[in-house]
Amino acid sequence: MAETHPIDRATTAHRPWILYGGLSVAVLGVVGWLVGIVVLPLAQQPSDVLPSWLAICRAFGIPVPQGAAPDQRKALAEASSLVAWTPPVIRELQDADHQAGAFVAINCEACHGPQGRTGSALAPKLAGLQAEVIWKELHDYRDGKRLFAPMNAIARALNEDSIRQVAAYFGTVGEPPPAKAGSGGDNAPRLVLYGDTHRGIAPCQACHDANNTDRRVMMAPVLEGQRADYLARQLGLFQTEWRHNDVFRPMREIAMRLTGDEIEQLAAWFGSRPPAGTPAPSPSNGTVAASLAGR
């Protein structure tokens, strides 16, 4: 029988760290494998799209059979509005019966005032608003995309014809100039005309310009002559994302970048402007721009 060399026996006896090191590496490998393959998939945030058993299978490299995964549409961001602007929708609004809409509008007088000329801070003036805007908002209320309990209930009680008719009616009602005008502060004209590129704020007139006929294509409401307190409240709701029915988030992103003073000044500025189509004089963009340049 071959005899073990004395040096080999001494090496094994006096260097146990070789054995311990090998065992430690093996244990760490097993623990790492268990953490990566089992523990992490089980500890992930619960999800209908990627349940724990499916995460473990993928960690092992096992392909998931086609159709075995849950419906991934649930993972998509919820739409801010379900309204779809199509040529038939536009034509139906244009051809809606205004007289029938006037009859439906009688039910709106309690909050929005006769002919949509309200004095309440909670309800907007509807007189002179584009039919497209009112039509969209009523659908958003009905679909739960804009939240205000009284309007949610009213919108659900209206049928499609009534929504089109009342929207068309208010779009044809003129609104007299506001009784009291205010400047809205120094920042308001600048934000309306130019925005603030450093903060990523687009100018208000890019979408809400009452003199731009393209606004009807963009479906942005006319703001001139609207109640200042209502406008300030809506900007605050956009700022906190309590109101979130703006498609592609333009109003939320802008409102989040505005200060409280700027919101109040913009609301006062638009509230003091004569509504579109009224004969009352209104400073032109050139006049306001010149005044800004001269300061």
C-alpha atoms as a PDB file:
ATOM      1  CA  MET A   1       0.000   0.000   0.000  1.00  0.00           C
ATOM      2  CA  ALA A   2       1.331   3.402  -0.938  1.00  0.00           C
ATOM      3  CA  GLU A   3       2.075   5.633   1.996  1.00  0.00           C
ATOM      4  CA  THR A   4       0.926   9.252   2.041  1.00  0.00           C
ATOM      5  CA  HIS A   5       3.802  11.627   1.922  1.00  0.00           C
ATOM      6  CA  PRO A   6       4.381  13.451   5.219  1.00  0.00           C
ATOM      7  CA  ILE A   7       4.216  16.813   3.483  1.00  0.00           C
ATOM      8  CA  ASP A   8       0.722  16.022   2.074  1.00  0.00           C
ATOM      9  CA  ARG A   9      -0.557  15.029   5.533  1.00  0.00           C
ATOM     10  CA  ALA A  10       0.832  18.218   7.027  1.00  0.00           C
ATOM     11  CA  THR A  11      -0.709  20.364   4.281  1.00  0.00           C
ATOM     12  CA  THR A  12      -4.183  18.909   4.849  1.00  0.00           C
ATOM     13  CA  ALA A  13      -3.938  19.066   8.629  1.00  0.00           C
ATOM     14  CA  HIS A  14      -2.584  22.565   8.918  1.00  0.00           C
ATOM     15  CA  ARG A  15      -4.597  24.226   6.130  1.00  0.00           C
ATOM     16  CA  PRO A  16      -8.312  23.600   6.964  1.00  0.00           C
ATOM     17  CA  TRP A  17      -9.218  26.943   5.318  1.00  0.00           C
ATOM     18  CA  ILE A  18      -9.003  25.177   1.958  1.00  0.00           C
ATOM     19  CA  LEU A  19     -11.922  22.935   2.941  1.00  0.00           C
ATOM     20  CA  TYR A  20     -13.845  25.756   4.598  1.00  0.00           C
ATOM     21  CA  GLY A  21     -13.327  28.061   1.632  1.00  0.00           C
ATOM     22  CA  GLY A  22     -14.642  25.460  -0.771  1.00  0.00           C
ATOM     23  CA  LEU A  23     -17.706  24.841   1.390  1.00  0.00           C
ATOM     24  CA  SER A  24     -18.343  28.613   1.719  1.00  0.00           C
ATOM     25  CA  VAL A  25     -18.250  29.079  -2.035  1.00  0.00           C
ATOM     26  CA  ALA A  26     -20.673  26.200  -2.503  1.00  0.00           C
ATOM     27  CA  VAL A  27     -23.063  27.555   0.155  1.00  0.00           C
ATOM     28  CA  LEU A  28     -22.986  31.067  -1.312  1.00  0.00           C
ATOM     29  CA  GLY A  29     -23.683  29.658  -4.754  1.00  0.00           C
ATOM     30  CA  VAL A  30     -26.718  27.744  -3.505  1.00  0.00           C
ATOM     31  CA  VAL A  31     -28.027  30.737  -1.533  1.00  0.00           C
ATOM     32  CA  GLY A  32     -27.552  33.075  -4.513  1.00  0.00           C
ATOM     33  CA  TRP A  33     -29.326  30.601  -6.774  1.00  0.00           C
ATOM     34  CA  LEU A  34     -32.271  30.339  -4.374  1.00  0.00           C
ATOM     35  CA  VAL A  35     -32.505  34.129  -3.975  1.00  0.00           C
ATOM     36  CA  GLY A  36     -32.367  34.824  -7.704  1.00  0.00           C
ATOM     37  CA  ILE A  37     -34.583  31.975  -8.865  1.00  0.00           C
ATOM     38  CA  VAL A  38     -37.130  31.647  -6.048  1.00  0.00           C
ATOM     39  CA  VAL A  39     -37.024  34.432  -3.429  1.00  0.00           C
ATOM     40  CA  LEU A  40     -36.944  37.489  -5.710  1.00  0.00           C
ATOM     41  CA  PRO A  41     -39.771  36.296  -8.000  1.00  0.00           C
ATOM     42  CA  LEU A  42     -41.908  35.557  -4.924  1.00  0.00           C
ATOM     43  CA  ALA A  43     -41.078  38.916  -3.314  1.00  0.00           C
ATOM     44  CA  GLN A  44     -41.935  41.017  -6.366  1.00  0.00           C
ATOM     45  CA  GLN A  45     -44.935  43.349  -6.367  1.00  0.00           C
ATOM     46  CA  PRO A  46     -48.072  41.246  -6.999  1.00  0.00           C
ATOM     47  CA  SER A  47     -49.182  41.601 -10.601  1.00  0.00           C
ATOM     48  CA  ASP A  48     -51.842  40.070 -12.806  1.00  0.00           C
ATOM     49  CA  VAL A  49     -49.529  40.425 -15.757  1.00  0.00           C
ATOM     50  CA  LEU A  50     -46.515  38.653 -14.219  1.00  0.00           C
ATOM     51  CA  PRO A  51     -47.555  36.323 -11.352  1.00  0.00           C
ATOM     52  CA  SER A  52     -44.939  34.668  -9.147  1.00  0.00           C
ATOM     53  CA  TRP A  53     -45.070  31.243 -10.791  1.00  0.00           C
ATOM     54  CA  LEU A  54     -44.513  32.802 -14.216  1.00  0.00           C
ATOM     55  CA  ALA A  55     -41.589  34.879 -12.879  1.00  0.00           C
ATOM     56  CA  ILE A  56     -39.958  31.714 -11.479  1.00  0.00           C
ATOM     57  CA  CYS A  57     -40.394  29.904 -14.780  1.00  0.00           C
ATOM     58  CA  ARG A  58     -38.782  32.773 -16.652  1.00  0.00           C
ATOM     59  CA  ALA A  59     -35.929  32.903 -14.122  1.00  0.00           C
ATOM     60  CA  PHE A  60     -35.214  29.245 -14.944  1.00  0.00           C
ATOM     61  CA  GLY A  61     -35.197  30.151 -18.624  1.00  0.00           C
ATOM     62  CA  ILE A  62     -38.365  28.199 -19.369  1.00  0.00           C
ATOM     63  CA  PRO A  63     -40.238  29.792 -22.294  1.00  0.00           C
ATOM     64  CA  VAL A  64     -43.835  30.694 -21.562  1.00  0.00           C
ATOM     65  CA  PRO A  65     -46.290  29.107 -24.012  1.00  0.00           C
ATOM     66  CA  GLN A  66     -48.087  31.546 -26.279  1.00  0.00           C
ATOM     67  CA  GLY A  67     -51.335  32.652 -24.653  1.00  0.00           C
ATOM     68  CA  ALA A  68     -50.367  31.521 -21.149  1.00  0.00           C
ATOM     69  CA  ALA A  69     -49.643  35.048 -19.954  1.00  0.00           C
ATOM     70  CA  PRO A  70     -52.609  37.046 -18.565  1.00  0.00           C
ATOM     71  CA  ASP A  71     -54.128  39.857 -20.561  1.00  0.00           C
ATOM     72  CA  GLN A  72     -51.435  42.525 -20.638  1.00  0.00           C
ATOM     73  CA  ARG A  73     -53.921  45.246 -21.492  1.00  0.00           C
ATOM     74  CA  LYS A  74     -54.501  45.601 -17.750  1.00  0.00           C
ATOM     75  CA  ALA A  75     -50.969  46.918 -17.405  1.00  0.00           C
ATOM     76  CA  LEU A  76     -51.531  49.792 -19.819  1.00  0.00           C
ATOM     77  CA  ALA A  77     -52.072  53.282 -18.413  1.00  0.00           C
ATOM     78  CA  GLU A  78     -55.708  54.181 -17.996  1.00  0.00           C
ATOM     79  CA  ALA A  79     -56.957  56.514 -20.709  1.00  0.00           C
ATOM     80  CA  SER A  80     -57.621  60.069 -19.541  1.00  0.00           C
ATOM     81  CA  SER A  81     -60.662  60.309 -21.833  1.00  0.00           C
ATOM     82  CA  LEU A  82     -62.676  57.888 -23.930  1.00  0.00           C
ATOM     83  CA  VAL A  83     -63.826  60.557 -26.391  1.00  0.00           C
ATOM     84  CA  ALA A  84     -62.902  59.892 -30.024  1.00  0.00           C
ATOM     85  CA  TRP A  85     -63.146  62.799 -32.426  1.00  0.00           C
ATOM     86  CA  THR A  86     -64.357  61.408 -35.724  1.00  0.00           C
ATOM     87  CA  PRO A  87     -65.885  63.142 -38.772  1.00  0.00           C
ATOM     88  CA  PRO A  88     -69.343  61.699 -37.998  1.00  0.00           C
ATOM     89  CA  VAL A  89     -69.165  63.089 -34.452  1.00  0.00           C
ATOM     90  CA  ILE A  90     -68.288  66.581 -35.720  1.00  0.00           C
ATOM     91  CA  ARG A  91     -71.081  66.484 -38.308  1.00  0.00           C
ATOM     92  CA  GLU A  92     -73.633  65.348 -35.739  1.00  0.00           C
ATOM     93  CA  LEU A  93     -72.671  68.234 -33.455  1.00  0.00           C
ATOM     94  CA  GLN A  94     -72.965  70.710 -36.301  1.00  0.00           C
ATOM     95  CA  ASP A  95     -76.397  69.360 -37.272  1.00  0.00           C
ATOM     96  CA  ALA A  96     -77.750  69.102 -33.706  1.00  0.00           C
ATOM     97  CA  ASP A  97     -81.110  70.718 -32.939  1.00  0.00           C
ATOM     98  CA  HIS A  98     -80.402  73.929 -30.991  1.00  0.00           C
ATOM     99  CA  GLN A  99     -84.031  74.446 -30.025  1.00  0.00           C
ATOM    100  CA  ALA A 100     -84.217  70.987 -28.490  1.00  0.00           C
ATOM    101  CA  GLY A 101     -80.982  71.817 -26.703  1.00  0.00           C
ATOM    102  CA  ALA A 102     -82.557  74.930 -25.206  1.00  0.00           C
ATOM    103  CA  PHE A 103     -85.246  72.724 -23.677  1.00  0.00           C
ATOM    104  CA  VAL A 104     -82.618  70.360 -22.204  1.00  0.00           C
ATOM    105  CA  ALA A 105     -80.670  73.377 -20.900  1.00  0.00           C
ATOM    106  CA  ILE A 106     -83.553  74.333 -18.596  1.00  0.00           C
ATOM    107  CA  ASN A 107     -82.313  71.554 -16.303  1.00  0.00           C
ATOM    108  CA  CYS A 108     -78.882  73.233 -16.168  1.00  0.00           C
ATOM    109  CA  GLU A 109     -80.122  76.610 -14.906  1.00  0.00           C
ATOM    110  CA  ALA A 110     -80.028  75.674 -11.220  1.00  0.00           C
ATOM    111  CA  CYS A 111     -76.206  75.685 -11.251  1.00  0.00           C
ATOM    112  CA  HIS A 112     -75.143  77.267 -14.537  1.00  0.00           C
ATOM    113  CA  GLY A 113     -77.711  80.068 -14.556  1.00  0.00           C
ATOM    114  CA  PRO A 114     -80.172  81.110 -17.274  1.00  0.00           C
ATOM    115  CA  GLN A 115     -78.635  80.515 -20.699  1.00  0.00           C
ATOM    116  CA  GLY A 116     -75.460  79.312 -19.027  1.00  0.00           C
ATOM    117  CA  ARG A 117     -74.556  82.684 -17.472  1.00  0.00           C
ATOM    118  CA  THR A 118     -73.830  81.563 -13.954  1.00  0.00           C
ATOM    119  CA  GLY A 119     -72.669  83.609 -10.998  1.00  0.00           C
ATOM    120  CA  SER A 120     -71.399  80.575  -9.056  1.00  0.00           C
ATOM    121  CA  ALA A 121     -67.709  79.822  -8.505  1.00  0.00           C
ATOM    122  CA  LEU A 122     -68.398  76.087  -8.619  1.00  0.00           C
ATOM    123  CA  ALA A 123     -70.031  76.053 -12.047  1.00  0.00           C
ATOM    124  CA  PRO A 124     -68.491  77.430 -15.236  1.00  0.00           C
ATOM    125  CA  LYS A 125     -70.190  79.807 -17.618  1.00  0.00           C
ATOM    126  CA  LEU A 126     -71.452  77.722 -20.518  1.00  0.00           C
ATOM    127  CA  ALA A 127     -72.649  80.563 -22.728  1.00  0.00           C
ATOM    128  CA  GLY A 128     -70.363  80.808 -25.741  1.00  0.00           C
ATOM    129  CA  LEU A 129     -68.308  77.697 -25.004  1.00  0.00           C
ATOM    130  CA  GLN A 130     -67.625  75.565 -28.061  1.00  0.00           C
ATOM    131  CA  ALA A 131     -70.105  72.730 -28.542  1.00  0.00           C
ATOM    132  CA  GLU A 132     -67.192  70.338 -28.969  1.00  0.00           C
ATOM    133  CA  VAL A 133     -65.830  71.212 -25.520  1.00  0.00           C
ATOM    134  CA  ILE A 134     -69.169  70.778 -23.756  1.00  0.00           C
ATOM    135  CA  TRP A 135     -69.795  67.518 -25.622  1.00  0.00           C
ATOM    136  CA  LYS A 136     -66.416  66.126 -24.493  1.00  0.00           C
ATOM    137  CA  GLU A 137     -66.809  67.197 -20.876  1.00  0.00           C
ATOM    138  CA  LEU A 138     -70.274  65.647 -20.606  1.00  0.00           C
ATOM    139  CA  HIS A 139     -68.903  62.376 -21.955  1.00  0.00           C
ATOM    140  CA  ASP A 140     -65.971  62.519 -19.547  1.00  0.00           C
ATOM    141  CA  TYR A 141     -68.408  63.049 -16.676  1.00  0.00           C
ATOM    142  CA  ARG A 142     -70.526  60.146 -17.898  1.00  0.00           C
ATOM    143  CA  ASP A 143     -67.490  57.869 -18.278  1.00  0.00           C
ATOM    144  CA  GLY A 144     -66.098  58.797 -14.865  1.00  0.00           C
ATOM    145  CA  LYS A 145     -63.011  60.476 -16.359  1.00  0.00           C
ATOM    146  CA  ARG A 146     -63.905  63.772 -14.720  1.00  0.00           C
ATOM    147  CA  LEU A 147     -65.189  63.601 -11.175  1.00  0.00           C
ATOM    148  CA  PHE A 148     -67.925  65.781  -9.717  1.00  0.00           C
ATOM    149  CA  ALA A 149     -70.811  63.777  -8.313  1.00  0.00           C
ATOM    150  CA  PRO A 150     -73.724  66.009  -9.447  1.00  0.00           C
ATOM    151  CA  MET A 151     -72.387  66.226 -12.998  1.00  0.00           C
ATOM    152  CA  ASN A 152     -71.556  62.518 -13.104  1.00  0.00           C
ATOM    153  CA  ALA A 153     -75.173  61.700 -12.279  1.00  0.00           C
ATOM    154  CA  ILE A 154     -76.607  64.254 -14.720  1.00  0.00           C
ATOM    155  CA  ALA A 155     -74.388  63.150 -17.600  1.00  0.00           C
ATOM    156  CA  ARG A 156     -75.347  59.504 -17.125  1.00  0.00           C
ATOM    157  CA  ALA A 157     -79.014  60.476 -17.283  1.00  0.00           C
ATOM    158  CA  LEU A 158     -78.624  62.156 -20.689  1.00  0.00           C
ATOM    159  CA  ASN A 159     -78.807  60.218 -23.937  1.00  0.00           C
ATOM    160  CA  GLU A 160     -76.558  60.898 -26.918  1.00  0.00           C
ATOM    161  CA  ASP A 161     -79.063  63.171 -28.671  1.00  0.00           C
ATOM    162  CA  SER A 162     -79.562  65.304 -25.562  1.00  0.00           C
ATOM    163  CA  ILE A 163     -75.812  65.693 -25.052  1.00  0.00           C
ATOM    164  CA  ARG A 164     -75.324  66.848 -28.640  1.00  0.00           C
ATOM    165  CA  GLN A 165     -78.307  69.195 -28.527  1.00  0.00           C
ATOM    166  CA  VAL A 166     -77.454  70.928 -25.246  1.00  0.00           C
ATOM    167  CA  ALA A 167     -73.802  71.289 -26.286  1.00  0.00           C
ATOM    168  CA  ALA A 168     -74.832  72.861 -29.587  1.00  0.00           C
ATOM    169  CA  TYR A 169     -77.271  75.208 -27.839  1.00  0.00           C
ATOM    170  CA  PHE A 170     -74.745  76.688 -25.403  1.00  0.00           C
ATOM    171  CA  GLY A 171     -72.280  77.110 -28.259  1.00  0.00           C
ATOM    172  CA  THR A 172     -74.671  79.547 -29.916  1.00  0.00           C
ATOM    173  CA  VAL A 173     -75.520  81.644 -26.842  1.00  0.00           C
ATOM    174  CA  GLY A 174     -73.623  84.937 -26.643  1.00  0.00           C
ATOM    175  CA  GLU A 175     -72.099  86.195 -23.417  1.00  0.00           C
ATOM    176  CA  PRO A 176     -71.894  89.896 -22.490  1.00  0.00           C
ATOM    177  CA  PRO A 177     -68.549  91.395 -21.373  1.00  0.00           C
ATOM    178  CA  PRO A 178     -67.651  90.990 -17.694  1.00  0.00           C
ATOM    179  CA  ALA A 179     -68.915  93.756 -15.436  1.00  0.00           C
ATOM    180  CA  LYS A 180     -65.536  94.362 -13.779  1.00  0.00           C
ATOM    181  CA  ALA A 181     -62.151  94.054 -15.447  1.00  0.00           C
ATOM    182  CA  GLY A 182     -58.791  93.424 -13.810  1.00  0.00           C
ATOM    183  CA  SER A 183     -55.228  93.363 -15.121  1.00  0.00           C
ATOM    184  CA  GLY A 184     -54.325  89.938 -13.729  1.00  0.00           C
ATOM    185  CA  GLY A 185     -50.854  91.122 -12.679  1.00  0.00           C
ATOM    186  CA  ASP A 186     -47.622  91.519 -14.614  1.00  0.00           C
ATOM    187  CA  ASN A 187     -46.952  87.814 -15.239  1.00  0.00           C
ATOM    188  CA  ALA A 188     -50.285  86.942 -16.834  1.00  0.00           C
ATOM    189  CA  PRO A 189     -49.807  88.595 -20.267  1.00  0.00           C
ATOM    190  CA  ARG A 190     -46.309  87.129 -20.551  1.00  0.00           C
ATOM    191  CA  LEU A 191     -47.510  83.612 -19.773  1.00  0.00           C
ATOM    192  CA  VAL A 192     -50.502  83.973 -22.075  1.00  0.00           C
ATOM    193  CA  LEU A 193     -48.452  85.193 -25.038  1.00  0.00           C
ATOM    194  CA  TYR A 194     -45.050  83.571 -24.546  1.00  0.00           C
ATOM    195  CA  GLY A 195     -45.236  81.005 -21.743  1.00  0.00           C
ATOM    196  CA  ASP A 196     -41.980  80.190 -19.954  1.00  0.00           C
ATOM    197  CA  THR A 197     -39.552  78.037 -21.938  1.00  0.00           C
ATOM    198  CA  HIS A 198     -37.182  77.658 -18.991  1.00  0.00           C
ATOM    199  CA  ARG A 199     -39.879  75.873 -17.016  1.00  0.00           C
ATOM    200  CA  GLY A 200     -41.473  74.077 -19.945  1.00  0.00           C
ATOM    201  CA  ILE A 201     -44.665  76.172 -19.875  1.00  0.00           C
ATOM    202  CA  ALA A 202     -46.333  76.633 -23.260  1.00  0.00           C
ATOM    203  CA  PRO A 203     -48.148  79.934 -23.939  1.00  0.00           C
ATOM    204  CA  CYS A 204     -51.853  79.770 -23.178  1.00  0.00           C
ATOM    205  CA  GLN A 205     -52.743  81.257 -26.546  1.00  0.00           C
ATOM    206  CA  ALA A 206     -51.164  78.301 -28.330  1.00  0.00           C
ATOM    207  CA  CYS A 207     -54.360  76.359 -27.572  1.00  0.00           C
ATOM    208  CA  HIS A 208     -56.828  78.811 -26.021  1.00  0.00           C
ATOM    209  CA  ASP A 209     -56.480  81.773 -28.389  1.00  0.00           C
ATOM    210  CA  ALA A 210     -60.034  82.986 -28.945  1.00  0.00           C
ATOM    211  CA  ASN A 211     -59.054  84.590 -32.265  1.00  0.00           C
ATOM    212  CA  ASN A 212     -57.650  81.364 -33.694  1.00  0.00           C
ATOM    213  CA  THR A 213     -60.293  79.344 -35.511  1.00  0.00           C
ATOM    214  CA  ASP A 214     -58.060  76.264 -35.251  1.00  0.00           C
ATOM    215  CA  ARG A 215     -58.982  76.057 -31.585  1.00  0.00           C
ATOM    216  CA  ARG A 216     -62.110  74.170 -32.590  1.00  0.00           C
ATOM    217  CA  VAL A 217     -59.928  71.482 -34.099  1.00  0.00           C
ATOM    218  CA  MET A 218     -57.826  71.317 -30.922  1.00  0.00           C
ATOM    219  CA  MET A 219     -60.961  71.320 -28.753  1.00  0.00           C
ATOM    220  CA  ALA A 220     -59.470  73.710 -26.181  1.00  0.00           C
ATOM    221  CA  PRO A 221     -62.109  75.824 -24.412  1.00  0.00           C
ATOM    222  CA  VAL A 222     -62.309  79.572 -24.827  1.00  0.00           C
ATOM    223  CA  LEU A 223     -61.206  81.105 -21.520  1.00  0.00           C
ATOM    224  CA  GLU A 224     -61.990  84.788 -22.095  1.00  0.00           C
ATOM    225  CA  GLY A 225     -64.876  85.896 -19.908  1.00  0.00           C
ATOM    226  CA  GLN A 226     -64.909  82.737 -17.807  1.00  0.00           C
ATOM    227  CA  ARG A 227     -65.221  83.236 -14.051  1.00  0.00           C
ATOM    228  CA  ALA A 228     -61.779  83.849 -12.519  1.00  0.00           C
ATOM    229  CA  ASP A 229     -62.522  81.868  -9.368  1.00  0.00           C
ATOM    230  CA  TYR A 230     -63.650  78.886 -11.439  1.00  0.00           C
ATOM    231  CA  LEU A 231     -60.516  79.021 -13.624  1.00  0.00           C
ATOM    232  CA  ALA A 232     -58.247  79.197 -10.563  1.00  0.00           C
ATOM    233  CA  ARG A 233     -60.039  76.231  -9.035  1.00  0.00           C
ATOM    234  CA  GLN A 234     -59.668  74.132 -12.187  1.00  0.00           C
ATOM    235  CA  LEU A 235     -55.965  74.936 -12.488  1.00  0.00           C
ATOM    236  CA  GLY A 236     -55.571  73.831  -8.883  1.00  0.00           C
ATOM    237  CA  LEU A 237     -57.355  70.561  -9.647  1.00  0.00           C
ATOM    238  CA  PHE A 238     -55.074  69.964 -12.632  1.00  0.00           C
ATOM    239  CA  GLN A 239     -52.056  70.814 -10.477  1.00  0.00           C
ATOM    240  CA  THR A 240     -52.942  68.124  -7.918  1.00  0.00           C
ATOM    241  CA  GLU A 241     -54.093  65.731 -10.683  1.00  0.00           C
ATOM    242  CA  TRP A 242     -57.522  65.487  -9.110  1.00  0.00           C
ATOM    243  CA  ARG A 243     -58.740  66.496 -12.540  1.00  0.00           C
ATOM    244  CA  HIS A 244     -57.056  64.337 -15.151  1.00  0.00           C
ATOM    245  CA  ASN A 245     -59.214  64.278 -18.270  1.00  0.00           C
ATOM    246  CA  ASP A 246     -56.750  66.273 -20.394  1.00  0.00           C
ATOM    247  CA  VAL A 247     -55.600  63.982 -23.198  1.00  0.00           C
ATOM    248  CA  PHE A 248     -51.767  63.657 -23.214  1.00  0.00           C
ATOM    249  CA  ARG A 249     -51.575  65.611 -19.889  1.00  0.00           C
ATOM    250  CA  PRO A 250     -50.911  69.139 -21.243  1.00  0.00           C
ATOM    251  CA  MET A 251     -52.899  70.962 -18.548  1.00  0.00           C
ATOM    252  CA  ARG A 252     -51.533  68.845 -15.706  1.00  0.00           C
ATOM    253  CA  GLU A 253     -47.933  69.360 -16.797  1.00  0.00           C
ATOM    254  CA  ILE A 254     -48.382  73.122 -17.171  1.00  0.00           C
ATOM    255  CA  ALA A 255     -50.352  73.586 -13.934  1.00  0.00           C
ATOM    256  CA  MET A 256     -47.700  71.703 -11.958  1.00  0.00           C
ATOM    257  CA  ARG A 257     -45.113  74.255 -13.095  1.00  0.00           C
ATOM    258  CA  LEU A 258     -47.191  77.309 -12.166  1.00  0.00           C
ATOM    259  CA  THR A 259     -46.965  79.004  -8.791  1.00  0.00           C
ATOM    260  CA  GLY A 260     -50.047  79.825  -6.751  1.00  0.00           C
ATOM    261  CA  ASP A 261     -49.693  83.536  -7.581  1.00  0.00           C
ATOM    262  CA  GLU A 262     -49.412  82.794 -11.297  1.00  0.00           C
ATOM    263  CA  ILE A 263     -52.566  80.699 -11.204  1.00  0.00           C
ATOM    264  CA  GLU A 264     -54.471  83.540  -9.549  1.00  0.00           C
ATOM    265  CA  GLN A 265     -53.086  86.088 -12.014  1.00  0.00           C
ATOM    266  CA  LEU A 266     -53.906  84.001 -15.088  1.00  0.00           C
ATOM    267  CA  ALA A 267     -57.413  83.344 -13.818  1.00  0.00           C
ATOM    268  CA  ALA A 268     -57.954  87.066 -13.177  1.00  0.00           C
ATOM    269  CA  TRP A 269     -56.557  87.984 -16.611  1.00  0.00           C
ATOM    270  CA  PHE A 270     -58.819  85.612 -18.540  1.00  0.00           C
ATOM    271  CA  GLY A 271     -61.784  86.463 -16.335  1.00  0.00           C
ATOM    272  CA  SER A 272     -61.381  90.157 -17.161  1.00  0.00           C
ATOM    273  CA  ARG A 273     -61.234  89.643 -20.938  1.00  0.00           C
ATOM    274  CA  PRO A 274     -64.411  90.178 -22.987  1.00  0.00           C
ATOM    275  CA  PRO A 275     -65.639  86.848 -24.386  1.00  0.00           C
ATOM    276  CA  ALA A 276     -64.847  86.043 -27.993  1.00  0.00           C
ATOM    277  CA  GLY A 277     -67.222  87.703 -30.442  1.00  0.00           C
ATOM    278  CA  THR A 278     -68.282  90.602 -28.205  1.00  0.00           C
ATOM    279  CA  PRO A 279     -67.837  94.178 -29.426  1.00  0.00           C
ATOM    280  CA  ALA A 280     -66.057  95.300 -26.261  1.00  0.00           C
ATOM    281  CA  PRO A 281     -62.459  96.442 -26.888  1.00  0.00           C
ATOM    282  CA  SER A 282     -59.709  94.015 -25.987  1.00  0.00           C
ATOM    283  CA  PRO A 283     -55.932  94.599 -26.038  1.00  0.00           C
ATOM    284  CA  SER A 284     -54.442  92.975 -29.095  1.00  0.00           C
ATOM    285  CA  ASN A 285     -51.456  90.670 -28.910  1.00  0.00           C
ATOM    286  CA  GLY A 286     -49.323  93.360 -30.535  1.00  0.00           C
ATOM    287  CA  THR A 287     -50.336  95.960 -27.954  1.00  0.00           C
ATOM    288  CA  VAL A 288     -49.577  93.679 -25.034  1.00  0.00           C
ATOM    289  CA  ALA A 289     -46.312  92.558 -26.635  1.00  0.00           C
ATOM    290  CA  ALA A 290     -45.270  96.192 -27.145  1.00  0.00           C
ATOM    291  CA  SER A 291     -46.045  97.046 -23.549  1.00  0.00           C
ATOM    292  CA  LEU A 292     -43.959  94.092 -22.386  1.00  0.00           C
ATOM    293  CA  ALA A 293     -41.062  95.088 -24.618  1.00  0.00           C
ATOM    294  CA  GLY A 294     -41.145  98.639 -23.307  1.00  0.00           C
ATOM    295  CA  ARG A 295     -40.675  97.633 -19.691  1.00  0.00           C
END
